[in-house]
Amino acid sequence: MDTTPAGSYTAKLIDGPLEGKTVATSFLDSGDPQPRITLNGEAGKRYVYSRGGGLEFESAGSSQPSAVEYRYIETVFD
């Protein structure tokens, strides 16, 4: 059974300061995964991650992934 909410997927952070964490995020209106995600950190930090190559599908017939890998790009200080 697919427990992923419609229109969302799990972003798997595979490196950087949030390595090993996962977050739920939404598909673009086109149905594609987000090319970049920005996550708020402590003390005015924001972490930028870019979509990697790893995709996981809930079932073989799924057209959208249930999980997508993201790689660390940079930390932005406010």
Protein backbone atom coordinates (compact mmCIF):
# COMPACT_ATOMS: atom_id res chain seq x y z
CA MET A 1 0.00 0.00 0.00
CA ASP A 2 1.31 3.45 -0.95
CA THR A 3 1.42 5.67 2.15
CA THR A 4 2.97 8.65 0.33
CA PRO A 5 0.48 11.57 0.13
CA ALA A 6 -0.65 12.39 -3.42
CA GLY A 7 1.69 14.89 -4.99
CA SER A 8 4.56 14.39 -2.56
CA TYR A 9 7.65 12.24 -2.17
CA THR A 10 10.54 11.68 0.23
CA ALA A 11 13.75 13.65 -0.31
CA LYS A 12 16.75 11.62 0.94
CA LEU A 13 19.72 13.83 1.88
CA ILE A 14 22.78 11.76 1.05
CA ASP A 15 25.60 14.09 2.14
CA GLY A 16 26.38 17.44 3.76
CA PRO A 17 25.29 18.71 7.18
CA LEU A 18 21.90 16.93 7.03
CA GLU A 19 23.26 13.62 5.72
CA GLY A 20 20.97 10.69 6.44
CA LYS A 21 17.86 12.80 7.02
CA THR A 22 14.68 12.54 4.98
CA VAL A 23 12.00 15.18 4.40
CA ALA A 24 8.65 15.15 2.61
CA THR A 25 8.40 17.53 -0.33
CA SER A 26 6.00 18.14 -3.22
CA PHE A 27 6.33 17.46 -6.93
CA LEU A 28 6.39 20.37 -9.36
CA ASP A 29 3.12 21.09 -11.19
CA SER A 30 4.60 19.15 -14.13
CA GLY A 31 4.85 16.03 -11.90
CA ASP A 32 8.65 16.12 -11.77
CA PRO A 33 10.66 16.09 -8.52
CA GLN A 34 12.00 19.47 -7.35
CA PRO A 35 15.42 20.24 -8.93
CA ARG A 36 16.58 21.94 -5.70
CA ILE A 37 15.26 22.14 -2.17
CA THR A 38 16.17 24.63 0.56
CA LEU A 39 15.84 23.60 4.19
CA ASN A 40 15.91 25.93 7.18
CA GLY A 41 18.58 25.22 9.78
CA GLU A 42 19.45 26.71 13.14
CA ALA A 43 20.60 30.30 13.71
CA GLY A 44 19.63 31.73 10.33
CA LYS A 45 21.16 28.98 8.20
CA ARG A 46 19.53 27.54 5.10
CA TYR A 47 20.86 24.40 3.43
CA VAL A 48 20.56 24.03 -0.34
CA TYR A 49 20.39 20.55 -1.88
CA SER A 50 20.23 19.55 -5.56
CA ARG A 51 18.52 16.51 -7.01
CA GLY A 52 20.83 13.57 -7.51
CA GLY A 53 20.44 10.52 -9.71
CA GLY A 54 18.92 8.07 -7.25
CA LEU A 55 15.21 7.37 -7.56
CA GLU A 56 13.07 4.83 -5.69
CA PHE A 57 9.64 3.66 -6.84
CA GLU A 58 6.91 2.21 -4.64
CA SER A 59 6.02 -0.31 -7.36
CA ALA A 60 7.32 -1.29 -10.78
CA GLY A 61 4.42 0.40 -12.58
CA SER A 62 4.72 3.76 -10.80
CA SER A 63 5.32 6.78 -13.00
CA GLN A 64 6.48 9.02 -10.15
CA PRO A 65 9.20 8.15 -7.63
CA SER A 66 8.38 7.70 -3.95
CA ALA A 67 11.90 8.84 -2.94
CA VAL A 68 14.61 10.95 -4.59
CA GLU A 69 18.25 11.48 -3.57
CA TYR A 70 19.53 15.02 -3.00
CA ARG A 71 23.16 16.16 -2.75
CA TYR A 72 24.41 19.07 -0.64
CA ILE A 73 25.27 22.28 -2.53
CA GLU A 74 25.78 25.09 -0.01
CA THR A 75 24.83 26.75 3.27
CA VAL A 76 23.28 30.22 3.03
CA PHE A 77 23.56 32.52 6.07
CA ASP A 78 20.80 35.09 6.59
